[in-house]
Amino acid sequence: MNFIRIGEKVLSPERIHRAVEQILQLRQEGLSQQEVAERLKVDRTLISRLESLGEIHKGPRLALVGFPVANGEELTAVAQTEGVEFILLMSDKERWRFVEEKSGADLINEIMALVSQAKSYDAVIFIGSDMRIRLMEAILGPQVISWEIGISPIKEDRWVNPDQLRQLIRQLKSAG
């Protein structure tokens, strides 16, 4: 056990960490600040201030999905820097590996899980062919922000401008 003395008080950092983790867990589960405060017998303002300390950004939750892209690592770095919460970018080779390594049932289950996850975001930037874009728009609706990189079928990786991606993400965040 590690203890800290502050004046006449002896504190347990571990106890503080556990309490903060419990507060965040309950908030993540959907309880209001007031409900968490009452349950843990703390002031609601403490919870509000803890959240403010850890806040990375406000605004819409964004996802980025795209294939086949040549510069996926570069685009991923841009998206992460800009606070995109879900990123799935694949080259043509990665896309085919994703499909070929799974049985039919496993592939359908994984695709359904990804679609379900994508639906939880306020906006999904989708980079792909004209046909894939129409499919994503039909599934996800108006939350899809389409970025066409060619006419289907696309048989080779396409380079996507990372500066344009950064600009688009920033526009979506400021509009949200």
N, C-alpha and C. Protein backbone atom coordinates (compact mmCIF):
# COMPACT_ATOMS: atom_id res chain seq x y z
N MET A 1 0.84 -1.19 0.00
CA MET A 1 0.00 0.00 0.00
C MET A 1 0.88 1.24 0.00
N ASN A 2 0.48 2.18 -0.80
CA ASN A 2 1.18 3.44 -0.90
C ASN A 2 0.29 4.52 -0.29
N PHE A 3 0.80 5.25 0.69
CA PHE A 3 0.03 6.31 1.33
C PHE A 3 0.72 7.65 1.11
N ILE A 4 -0.09 8.69 1.13
CA ILE A 4 0.42 10.05 0.99
C ILE A 4 -0.09 10.87 2.16
N ARG A 5 0.81 11.66 2.75
CA ARG A 5 0.40 12.54 3.84
C ARG A 5 0.26 13.94 3.28
N ILE A 6 -0.91 14.54 3.55
CA ILE A 6 -1.17 15.94 3.21
C ILE A 6 -1.68 16.59 4.49
N GLY A 7 -0.83 17.37 5.11
CA GLY A 7 -1.18 17.96 6.40
C GLY A 7 -1.41 16.86 7.41
N GLU A 8 -2.59 16.87 8.03
CA GLU A 8 -2.92 15.86 9.03
C GLU A 8 -3.59 14.63 8.42
N LYS A 9 -3.87 14.68 7.12
CA LYS A 9 -4.58 13.57 6.47
C LYS A 9 -3.59 12.58 5.88
N VAL A 10 -3.94 11.30 5.96
CA VAL A 10 -3.20 10.25 5.27
C VAL A 10 -4.14 9.71 4.20
N LEU A 11 -3.68 9.77 2.95
CA LEU A 11 -4.53 9.39 1.81
C LEU A 11 -4.02 8.13 1.14
N SER A 12 -4.96 7.40 0.56
CA SER A 12 -4.63 6.22 -0.23
C SER A 12 -4.89 6.56 -1.71
N PRO A 13 -3.84 6.74 -2.51
CA PRO A 13 -4.04 7.00 -3.94
C PRO A 13 -4.82 5.88 -4.63
N GLU A 14 -4.62 4.64 -4.19
CA GLU A 14 -5.35 3.53 -4.79
C GLU A 14 -6.85 3.67 -4.58
N ARG A 15 -7.25 4.09 -3.39
CA ARG A 15 -8.67 4.28 -3.09
C ARG A 15 -9.25 5.38 -3.98
N ILE A 16 -8.49 6.45 -4.16
CA ILE A 16 -8.94 7.54 -5.02
C ILE A 16 -9.08 7.05 -6.46
N HIS A 17 -8.10 6.31 -6.95
CA HIS A 17 -8.16 5.78 -8.32
C HIS A 17 -9.36 4.87 -8.52
N ARG A 18 -9.62 4.00 -7.54
CA ARG A 18 -10.78 3.09 -7.64
C ARG A 18 -12.08 3.87 -7.68
N ALA A 19 -12.18 4.91 -6.84
CA ALA A 19 -13.40 5.72 -6.81
C ALA A 19 -13.61 6.44 -8.14
N VAL A 20 -12.54 7.00 -8.69
CA VAL A 20 -12.65 7.69 -9.98
C VAL A 20 -13.05 6.70 -11.07
N GLU A 21 -12.45 5.53 -11.08
CA GLU A 21 -12.81 4.51 -12.07
C GLU A 21 -14.27 4.10 -11.93
N GLN A 22 -14.76 3.98 -10.70
CA GLN A 22 -16.15 3.61 -10.48
C GLN A 22 -17.08 4.72 -10.98
N ILE A 23 -16.74 5.96 -10.70
CA ILE A 23 -17.54 7.10 -11.18
C ILE A 23 -17.63 7.07 -12.70
N LEU A 24 -16.48 6.91 -13.36
CA LEU A 24 -16.47 6.90 -14.83
C LEU A 24 -17.23 5.71 -15.39
N GLN A 25 -17.11 4.56 -14.75
CA GLN A 25 -17.82 3.37 -15.21
C GLN A 25 -19.34 3.58 -15.13
N LEU A 26 -19.81 4.11 -14.02
CA LEU A 26 -21.24 4.35 -13.86
C LEU A 26 -21.75 5.38 -14.87
N ARG A 27 -20.95 6.43 -15.12
CA ARG A 27 -21.34 7.44 -16.11
C ARG A 27 -21.39 6.82 -17.50
N GLN A 28 -20.42 5.96 -17.80
CA GLN A 28 -20.37 5.31 -19.10
C GLN A 28 -21.57 4.38 -19.28
N GLU A 29 -22.06 3.81 -18.19
CA GLU A 29 -23.24 2.94 -18.24
C GLU A 29 -24.53 3.72 -18.42
N GLY A 30 -24.45 5.06 -18.35
CA GLY A 30 -25.62 5.87 -18.64
C GLY A 30 -26.24 6.57 -17.44
N LEU A 31 -25.70 6.38 -16.25
CA LEU A 31 -26.26 7.07 -15.09
C LEU A 31 -25.93 8.56 -15.18
N SER A 32 -26.84 9.39 -14.69
CA SER A 32 -26.60 10.83 -14.68
C SER A 32 -25.57 11.17 -13.61
N GLN A 33 -25.03 12.37 -13.70
CA GLN A 33 -24.08 12.81 -12.67
C GLN A 33 -24.73 12.77 -11.30
N GLN A 34 -25.99 13.20 -11.22
CA GLN A 34 -26.69 13.23 -9.94
C GLN A 34 -26.89 11.81 -9.38
N GLU A 35 -27.26 10.87 -10.25
CA GLU A 35 -27.45 9.48 -9.81
C GLU A 35 -26.15 8.88 -9.28
N VAL A 36 -25.05 9.14 -9.97
CA VAL A 36 -23.76 8.63 -9.51
C VAL A 36 -23.38 9.27 -8.18
N ALA A 37 -23.59 10.57 -8.07
CA ALA A 37 -23.26 11.28 -6.83
C ALA A 37 -24.04 10.71 -5.66
N GLU A 38 -25.32 10.46 -5.86
CA GLU A 38 -26.14 9.90 -4.78
C GLU A 38 -25.69 8.49 -4.42
N ARG A 39 -25.41 7.68 -5.43
CA ARG A 39 -25.01 6.30 -5.19
C ARG A 39 -23.69 6.22 -4.42
N LEU A 40 -22.74 7.09 -4.77
CA LEU A 40 -21.41 7.03 -4.17
C LEU A 40 -21.21 8.04 -3.04
N LYS A 41 -22.27 8.80 -2.76
CA LYS A 41 -22.24 9.77 -1.66
C LYS A 41 -21.12 10.80 -1.83
N VAL A 42 -21.09 11.41 -3.03
CA VAL A 42 -20.16 12.51 -3.32
C VAL A 42 -20.97 13.66 -3.94
N ASP A 43 -20.35 14.83 -4.03
CA ASP A 43 -21.03 15.96 -4.66
C ASP A 43 -21.08 15.77 -6.17
N ARG A 44 -22.20 16.19 -6.76
CA ARG A 44 -22.33 16.12 -8.21
C ARG A 44 -21.26 16.96 -8.90
N THR A 45 -20.89 18.08 -8.30
CA THR A 45 -19.88 18.94 -8.92
C THR A 45 -18.53 18.25 -9.03
N LEU A 46 -18.23 17.32 -8.11
CA LEU A 46 -16.99 16.56 -8.21
C LEU A 46 -16.98 15.75 -9.51
N ILE A 47 -18.10 15.12 -9.81
CA ILE A 47 -18.21 14.31 -11.02
C ILE A 47 -18.06 15.19 -12.26
N SER A 48 -18.71 16.33 -12.25
CA SER A 48 -18.61 17.26 -13.37
C SER A 48 -17.17 17.71 -13.59
N ARG A 49 -16.49 18.03 -12.52
CA ARG A 49 -15.10 18.50 -12.63
C ARG A 49 -14.16 17.38 -13.08
N LEU A 50 -14.40 16.16 -12.62
CA LEU A 50 -13.58 15.03 -13.08
C LEU A 50 -13.74 14.85 -14.60
N GLU A 51 -14.98 14.93 -15.06
CA GLU A 51 -15.22 14.78 -16.50
C GLU A 51 -14.54 15.90 -17.28
N SER A 52 -14.58 17.11 -16.75
CA SER A 52 -13.92 18.24 -17.42
C SER A 52 -12.41 18.04 -17.49
N LEU A 53 -11.83 17.48 -16.43
CA LEU A 53 -10.39 17.22 -16.43
C LEU A 53 -9.98 16.25 -17.54
N GLY A 54 -10.82 15.26 -17.78
CA GLY A 54 -10.46 14.23 -18.75
C GLY A 54 -11.01 14.45 -20.14
N GLU A 55 -11.76 15.53 -20.34
CA GLU A 55 -12.42 15.74 -21.63
C GLU A 55 -11.41 15.97 -22.74
N ILE A 56 -11.55 15.21 -23.81
CA ILE A 56 -10.68 15.35 -24.97
C ILE A 56 -11.34 16.25 -26.01
N HIS A 57 -12.60 16.02 -26.27
CA HIS A 57 -13.31 16.89 -27.20
C HIS A 57 -14.80 16.79 -26.98
N LYS A 58 -15.48 17.84 -27.41
CA LYS A 58 -16.94 17.83 -27.45
C LYS A 58 -17.32 17.72 -28.91
N GLY A 59 -18.53 17.41 -29.14
CA GLY A 59 -18.98 17.38 -30.52
C GLY A 59 -19.37 15.99 -30.94
N PRO A 60 -19.61 15.85 -32.23
CA PRO A 60 -20.13 14.58 -32.73
C PRO A 60 -19.11 13.46 -32.64
N ARG A 61 -19.63 12.25 -32.47
CA ARG A 61 -18.79 11.05 -32.49
C ARG A 61 -18.63 10.65 -33.96
N LEU A 62 -17.38 10.51 -34.38
CA LEU A 62 -17.09 10.23 -35.78
C LEU A 62 -16.44 8.87 -35.97
N ALA A 63 -16.78 8.25 -37.11
CA ALA A 63 -16.14 7.00 -37.53
C ALA A 63 -15.59 7.21 -38.94
N LEU A 64 -14.54 6.46 -39.26
CA LEU A 64 -13.93 6.52 -40.58
C LEU A 64 -13.77 5.09 -41.09
N VAL A 65 -14.36 4.82 -42.25
CA VAL A 65 -14.29 3.50 -42.87
C VAL A 65 -13.91 3.70 -44.33
N GLY A 66 -12.98 2.90 -44.83
CA GLY A 66 -12.63 3.06 -46.24
C GLY A 66 -11.79 1.93 -46.78
N PHE A 67 -11.99 1.66 -48.08
CA PHE A 67 -11.20 0.67 -48.79
C PHE A 67 -11.48 0.81 -50.28
N PRO A 68 -10.54 0.46 -51.11
CA PRO A 68 -9.15 0.12 -50.85
C PRO A 68 -8.28 1.39 -50.87
N VAL A 69 -7.61 1.67 -49.77
CA VAL A 69 -6.79 2.87 -49.68
C VAL A 69 -5.31 2.50 -49.61
N ALA A 70 -4.49 3.31 -50.29
CA ALA A 70 -3.06 3.04 -50.36
C ALA A 70 -2.32 3.56 -49.14
N ASN A 71 -2.85 4.62 -48.53
CA ASN A 71 -2.15 5.28 -47.43
C ASN A 71 -2.95 5.20 -46.13
N GLY A 72 -3.36 4.00 -45.78
CA GLY A 72 -4.17 3.79 -44.59
C GLY A 72 -3.51 4.23 -43.30
N GLU A 73 -2.21 3.97 -43.15
CA GLU A 73 -1.52 4.36 -41.91
C GLU A 73 -1.51 5.88 -41.76
N GLU A 74 -1.26 6.58 -42.85
CA GLU A 74 -1.23 8.04 -42.82
C GLU A 74 -2.62 8.60 -42.49
N LEU A 75 -3.65 8.04 -43.09
CA LEU A 75 -5.02 8.48 -42.82
C LEU A 75 -5.43 8.16 -41.39
N THR A 76 -5.00 7.00 -40.90
CA THR A 76 -5.29 6.62 -39.52
C THR A 76 -4.67 7.62 -38.55
N ALA A 77 -3.43 8.01 -38.81
CA ALA A 77 -2.75 8.98 -37.94
C ALA A 77 -3.50 10.30 -37.92
N VAL A 78 -3.95 10.76 -39.08
CA VAL A 78 -4.72 12.01 -39.15
C VAL A 78 -6.01 11.87 -38.36
N ALA A 79 -6.73 10.78 -38.58
CA ALA A 79 -8.02 10.58 -37.92
C ALA A 79 -7.85 10.49 -36.40
N GLN A 80 -6.83 9.78 -35.95
CA GLN A 80 -6.59 9.68 -34.50
C GLN A 80 -6.26 11.04 -33.90
N THR A 81 -5.42 11.80 -34.58
CA THR A 81 -5.05 13.14 -34.10
C THR A 81 -6.27 14.03 -33.99
N GLU A 82 -7.21 13.87 -34.90
CA GLU A 82 -8.41 14.71 -34.93
C GLU A 82 -9.53 14.17 -34.05
N GLY A 83 -9.31 13.04 -33.38
CA GLY A 83 -10.29 12.54 -32.42
C GLY A 83 -11.37 11.64 -32.98
N VAL A 84 -11.13 11.05 -34.16
CA VAL A 84 -12.09 10.08 -34.71
C VAL A 84 -12.03 8.84 -33.83
N GLU A 85 -13.20 8.35 -33.42
CA GLU A 85 -13.25 7.29 -32.42
C GLU A 85 -13.20 5.87 -32.98
N PHE A 86 -13.62 5.69 -34.23
CA PHE A 86 -13.61 4.35 -34.83
C PHE A 86 -13.00 4.48 -36.21
N ILE A 87 -11.97 3.68 -36.48
CA ILE A 87 -11.27 3.75 -37.76
C ILE A 87 -11.11 2.34 -38.31
N LEU A 88 -11.57 2.15 -39.55
CA LEU A 88 -11.39 0.87 -40.25
C LEU A 88 -11.01 1.20 -41.69
N LEU A 89 -9.72 1.15 -41.97
CA LEU A 89 -9.20 1.42 -43.31
C LEU A 89 -8.44 0.20 -43.77
N MET A 90 -8.68 -0.21 -45.02
CA MET A 90 -8.01 -1.40 -45.54
C MET A 90 -7.51 -1.15 -46.96
N SER A 91 -6.38 -1.77 -47.26
CA SER A 91 -5.90 -1.82 -48.64
C SER A 91 -6.70 -2.92 -49.35
N ASP A 92 -6.51 -3.04 -50.65
CA ASP A 92 -7.22 -4.09 -51.38
C ASP A 92 -6.81 -5.47 -50.87
N LYS A 93 -5.52 -5.64 -50.61
CA LYS A 93 -5.02 -6.93 -50.11
C LYS A 93 -5.63 -7.24 -48.73
N GLU A 94 -5.67 -6.24 -47.86
CA GLU A 94 -6.25 -6.43 -46.53
C GLU A 94 -7.75 -6.73 -46.63
N ARG A 95 -8.42 -6.08 -47.54
CA ARG A 95 -9.86 -6.31 -47.73
C ARG A 95 -10.12 -7.76 -48.15
N TRP A 96 -9.34 -8.27 -49.10
CA TRP A 96 -9.54 -9.65 -49.54
C TRP A 96 -9.17 -10.65 -48.46
N ARG A 97 -8.12 -10.34 -47.70
CA ARG A 97 -7.74 -11.22 -46.58
C ARG A 97 -8.86 -11.27 -45.55
N PHE A 98 -9.46 -10.12 -45.26
CA PHE A 98 -10.57 -10.03 -44.31
C PHE A 98 -11.71 -10.96 -44.73
N VAL A 99 -12.00 -10.99 -46.02
CA VAL A 99 -13.10 -11.81 -46.55
C VAL A 99 -12.72 -13.28 -46.61
N GLU A 100 -11.52 -13.57 -47.09
CA GLU A 100 -11.13 -14.96 -47.34
C GLU A 100 -10.80 -15.76 -46.09
N GLU A 101 -10.44 -15.09 -44.99
CA GLU A 101 -10.03 -15.79 -43.78
C GLU A 101 -11.21 -16.21 -42.91
N LYS A 102 -12.43 -15.92 -43.34
CA LYS A 102 -13.59 -16.22 -42.50
C LYS A 102 -14.56 -17.13 -43.25
N SER A 103 -15.29 -17.92 -42.47
CA SER A 103 -16.36 -18.71 -43.07
C SER A 103 -17.51 -17.75 -43.39
N GLY A 104 -18.46 -18.21 -44.16
CA GLY A 104 -19.60 -17.37 -44.52
C GLY A 104 -20.33 -16.82 -43.30
N ALA A 105 -20.61 -17.68 -42.33
CA ALA A 105 -21.34 -17.25 -41.13
C ALA A 105 -20.52 -16.26 -40.31
N ASP A 106 -19.22 -16.54 -40.16
CA ASP A 106 -18.35 -15.63 -39.40
C ASP A 106 -18.26 -14.28 -40.08
N LEU A 107 -18.16 -14.29 -41.40
CA LEU A 107 -18.07 -13.04 -42.15
C LEU A 107 -19.33 -12.21 -41.97
N ILE A 108 -20.49 -12.84 -42.10
CA ILE A 108 -21.76 -12.13 -41.92
C ILE A 108 -21.86 -11.57 -40.51
N ASN A 109 -21.51 -12.37 -39.52
CA ASN A 109 -21.57 -11.90 -38.13
C ASN A 109 -20.65 -10.71 -37.90
N GLU A 110 -19.44 -10.78 -38.44
CA GLU A 110 -18.51 -9.67 -38.24
C GLU A 110 -18.99 -8.41 -38.96
N ILE A 111 -19.49 -8.57 -40.17
CA ILE A 111 -20.01 -7.41 -40.90
C ILE A 111 -21.19 -6.79 -40.16
N MET A 112 -22.09 -7.63 -39.65
CA MET A 112 -23.24 -7.11 -38.90
C MET A 112 -22.79 -6.37 -37.64
N ALA A 113 -21.77 -6.90 -36.96
CA ALA A 113 -21.25 -6.23 -35.77
C ALA A 113 -20.65 -4.88 -36.13
N LEU A 114 -19.92 -4.82 -37.25
CA LEU A 114 -19.33 -3.55 -37.68
C LEU A 114 -20.40 -2.54 -38.06
N VAL A 115 -21.45 -2.99 -38.75
CA VAL A 115 -22.55 -2.09 -39.12
C VAL A 115 -23.24 -1.57 -37.87
N SER A 116 -23.49 -2.47 -36.93
CA SER A 116 -24.12 -2.06 -35.68
C SER A 116 -23.27 -1.03 -34.95
N GLN A 117 -21.97 -1.26 -34.93
CA GLN A 117 -21.06 -0.32 -34.28
C GLN A 117 -21.08 1.02 -35.02
N ALA A 118 -21.05 0.99 -36.34
CA ALA A 118 -21.05 2.23 -37.13
C ALA A 118 -22.32 3.05 -36.88
N LYS A 119 -23.44 2.38 -36.68
CA LYS A 119 -24.71 3.08 -36.43
C LYS A 119 -24.68 3.89 -35.14
N SER A 120 -23.78 3.58 -34.24
CA SER A 120 -23.73 4.30 -32.96
C SER A 120 -23.01 5.65 -33.08
N TYR A 121 -22.45 5.95 -34.23
CA TYR A 121 -21.73 7.21 -34.42
C TYR A 121 -22.64 8.25 -35.07
N ASP A 122 -22.35 9.52 -34.78
CA ASP A 122 -23.14 10.61 -35.34
C ASP A 122 -22.90 10.76 -36.83
N ALA A 123 -21.68 10.50 -37.26
CA ALA A 123 -21.33 10.58 -38.68
C ALA A 123 -20.29 9.52 -38.99
N VAL A 124 -20.42 8.92 -40.18
CA VAL A 124 -19.47 7.92 -40.65
C VAL A 124 -18.91 8.42 -41.97
N ILE A 125 -17.62 8.73 -41.99
CA ILE A 125 -16.97 9.09 -43.24
C ILE A 125 -16.65 7.78 -43.94
N PHE A 126 -17.23 7.59 -45.13
CA PHE A 126 -17.00 6.34 -45.85
C PHE A 126 -16.27 6.64 -47.14
N ILE A 127 -15.10 6.03 -47.31
CA ILE A 127 -14.26 6.20 -48.49
C ILE A 127 -14.33 4.90 -49.28
N GLY A 128 -14.83 4.98 -50.53
CA GLY A 128 -14.94 3.76 -51.32
C GLY A 128 -15.47 4.02 -52.71
N SER A 129 -15.84 2.94 -53.38
CA SER A 129 -16.36 3.02 -54.75
C SER A 129 -17.80 3.51 -54.74
N ASP A 130 -18.27 3.89 -55.92
CA ASP A 130 -19.64 4.38 -56.06
C ASP A 130 -20.65 3.35 -55.56
N MET A 131 -20.44 2.08 -55.89
CA MET A 131 -21.37 1.03 -55.49
C MET A 131 -21.37 0.82 -53.97
N ARG A 132 -20.18 0.79 -53.36
CA ARG A 132 -20.09 0.60 -51.91
C ARG A 132 -20.71 1.80 -51.17
N ILE A 133 -20.53 2.99 -51.73
CA ILE A 133 -21.11 4.18 -51.11
C ILE A 133 -22.63 4.08 -51.10
N ARG A 134 -23.22 3.69 -52.23
CA ARG A 134 -24.69 3.54 -52.27
C ARG A 134 -25.16 2.51 -51.25
N LEU A 135 -24.42 1.43 -51.11
CA LEU A 135 -24.77 0.39 -50.14
C LEU A 135 -24.70 0.93 -48.71
N MET A 136 -23.63 1.64 -48.38
CA MET A 136 -23.48 2.20 -47.03
C MET A 136 -24.56 3.24 -46.74
N GLU A 137 -24.88 4.06 -47.73
CA GLU A 137 -25.94 5.06 -47.53
C GLU A 137 -27.28 4.38 -47.30
N ALA A 138 -27.53 3.27 -48.00
CA ALA A 138 -28.79 2.54 -47.81
C ALA A 138 -28.86 1.92 -46.42
N ILE A 139 -27.74 1.46 -45.90
CA ILE A 139 -27.72 0.80 -44.59
C ILE A 139 -27.72 1.82 -43.45
N LEU A 140 -26.85 2.83 -43.54
CA LEU A 140 -26.67 3.76 -42.42
C LEU A 140 -27.47 5.05 -42.55
N GLY A 141 -27.93 5.36 -43.75
CA GLY A 141 -28.75 6.57 -43.92
C GLY A 141 -27.93 7.84 -43.96
N PRO A 142 -28.54 8.92 -43.50
CA PRO A 142 -27.94 10.25 -43.67
C PRO A 142 -26.68 10.50 -42.85
N GLN A 143 -26.33 9.60 -41.96
CA GLN A 143 -25.11 9.82 -41.17
C GLN A 143 -23.85 9.51 -41.97
N VAL A 144 -23.99 8.96 -43.19
CA VAL A 144 -22.84 8.65 -44.03
C VAL A 144 -22.37 9.90 -44.77
N ILE A 145 -21.09 10.19 -44.65
CA ILE A 145 -20.45 11.25 -45.42
C ILE A 145 -19.61 10.52 -46.47
N SER A 146 -20.04 10.60 -47.72
CA SER A 146 -19.44 9.80 -48.79
C SER A 146 -18.23 10.48 -49.42
N TRP A 147 -17.21 9.66 -49.71
CA TRP A 147 -16.00 10.12 -50.37
C TRP A 147 -15.67 9.08 -51.43
N GLU A 148 -16.08 9.35 -52.67
CA GLU A 148 -15.89 8.38 -53.75
C GLU A 148 -14.46 8.43 -54.27
N ILE A 149 -13.86 7.24 -54.39
CA ILE A 149 -12.49 7.15 -54.91
C ILE A 149 -12.43 6.36 -56.21
N GLY A 150 -13.59 6.09 -56.81
CA GLY A 150 -13.58 5.39 -58.09
C GLY A 150 -14.88 4.67 -58.36
N ILE A 151 -14.97 4.18 -59.59
CA ILE A 151 -16.12 3.42 -60.03
C ILE A 151 -15.85 1.94 -59.75
N SER A 152 -16.86 1.25 -59.25
CA SER A 152 -16.73 -0.16 -58.91
C SER A 152 -16.65 -1.00 -60.19
N PRO A 153 -15.86 -2.03 -60.22
CA PRO A 153 -15.00 -2.52 -59.15
C PRO A 153 -13.62 -1.83 -59.16
N ILE A 154 -13.17 -1.45 -57.99
CA ILE A 154 -11.82 -0.89 -57.85
C ILE A 154 -10.89 -2.05 -57.55
N LYS A 155 -9.88 -2.22 -58.37
CA LYS A 155 -9.00 -3.38 -58.23
C LYS A 155 -7.62 -3.03 -57.68
N GLU A 156 -7.38 -1.74 -57.41
CA GLU A 156 -6.09 -1.37 -56.83
C GLU A 156 -6.31 -0.30 -55.77
N ASP A 157 -5.33 -0.16 -54.90
CA ASP A 157 -5.42 0.82 -53.82
C ASP A 157 -5.43 2.23 -54.39
N ARG A 158 -6.18 3.11 -53.73
CA ARG A 158 -6.26 4.51 -54.13
C ARG A 158 -5.69 5.39 -53.03
N TRP A 159 -4.91 6.38 -53.42
CA TRP A 159 -4.35 7.34 -52.48
C TRP A 159 -5.43 8.35 -52.14
N VAL A 160 -5.57 8.65 -50.85
CA VAL A 160 -6.56 9.62 -50.37
C VAL A 160 -5.79 10.76 -49.72
N ASN A 161 -6.16 11.98 -50.05
CA ASN A 161 -5.46 13.17 -49.57
C ASN A 161 -5.69 13.35 -48.06
N PRO A 162 -4.64 13.21 -47.25
CA PRO A 162 -4.80 13.32 -45.80
C PRO A 162 -5.20 14.73 -45.35
N ASP A 163 -4.74 15.75 -46.08
CA ASP A 163 -5.12 17.12 -45.72
C ASP A 163 -6.61 17.36 -45.94
N GLN A 164 -7.15 16.80 -47.01
CA GLN A 164 -8.59 16.92 -47.24
C GLN A 164 -9.38 16.16 -46.17
N LEU A 165 -8.86 15.01 -45.75
CA LEU A 165 -9.51 14.27 -44.67
C LEU A 165 -9.52 15.09 -43.39
N ARG A 166 -8.39 15.67 -43.05
CA ARG A 166 -8.30 16.51 -41.84
C ARG A 166 -9.31 17.66 -41.91
N GLN A 167 -9.39 18.30 -43.06
CA GLN A 167 -10.32 19.41 -43.24
C GLN A 167 -11.77 18.94 -43.08
N LEU A 168 -12.11 17.80 -43.66
CA LEU A 168 -13.46 17.26 -43.54
C LEU A 168 -13.81 16.94 -42.09
N ILE A 169 -12.90 16.30 -41.39
CA ILE A 169 -13.14 15.96 -39.98
C ILE A 169 -13.38 17.22 -39.17
N ARG A 170 -12.56 18.22 -39.38
CA ARG A 170 -12.71 19.48 -38.64
C ARG A 170 -14.04 20.16 -38.96
N GLN A 171 -14.46 20.11 -40.21
CA GLN A 171 -15.75 20.70 -40.58
C GLN A 171 -16.89 19.96 -39.88
N LEU A 172 -16.82 18.65 -39.86
CA LEU A 172 -17.87 17.87 -39.21
C LEU A 172 -17.91 18.16 -37.71
N LYS A 173 -16.76 18.28 -37.10
CA LYS A 173 -16.71 18.56 -35.66
C LYS A 173 -17.23 19.95 -35.34
N SER A 174 -16.91 20.92 -36.16
CA SER A 174 -17.38 22.28 -35.88
C SER A 174 -18.86 22.43 -36.16
N ALA A 175 -19.39 21.63 -37.08
CA ALA A 175 -20.83 21.68 -37.40
C ALA A 175 -21.66 20.99 -36.34
N GLY A 176 -21.04 20.04 -35.62
CA GLY A 176 -21.76 19.23 -34.64
C GLY A 176 -21.97 19.97 -33.38
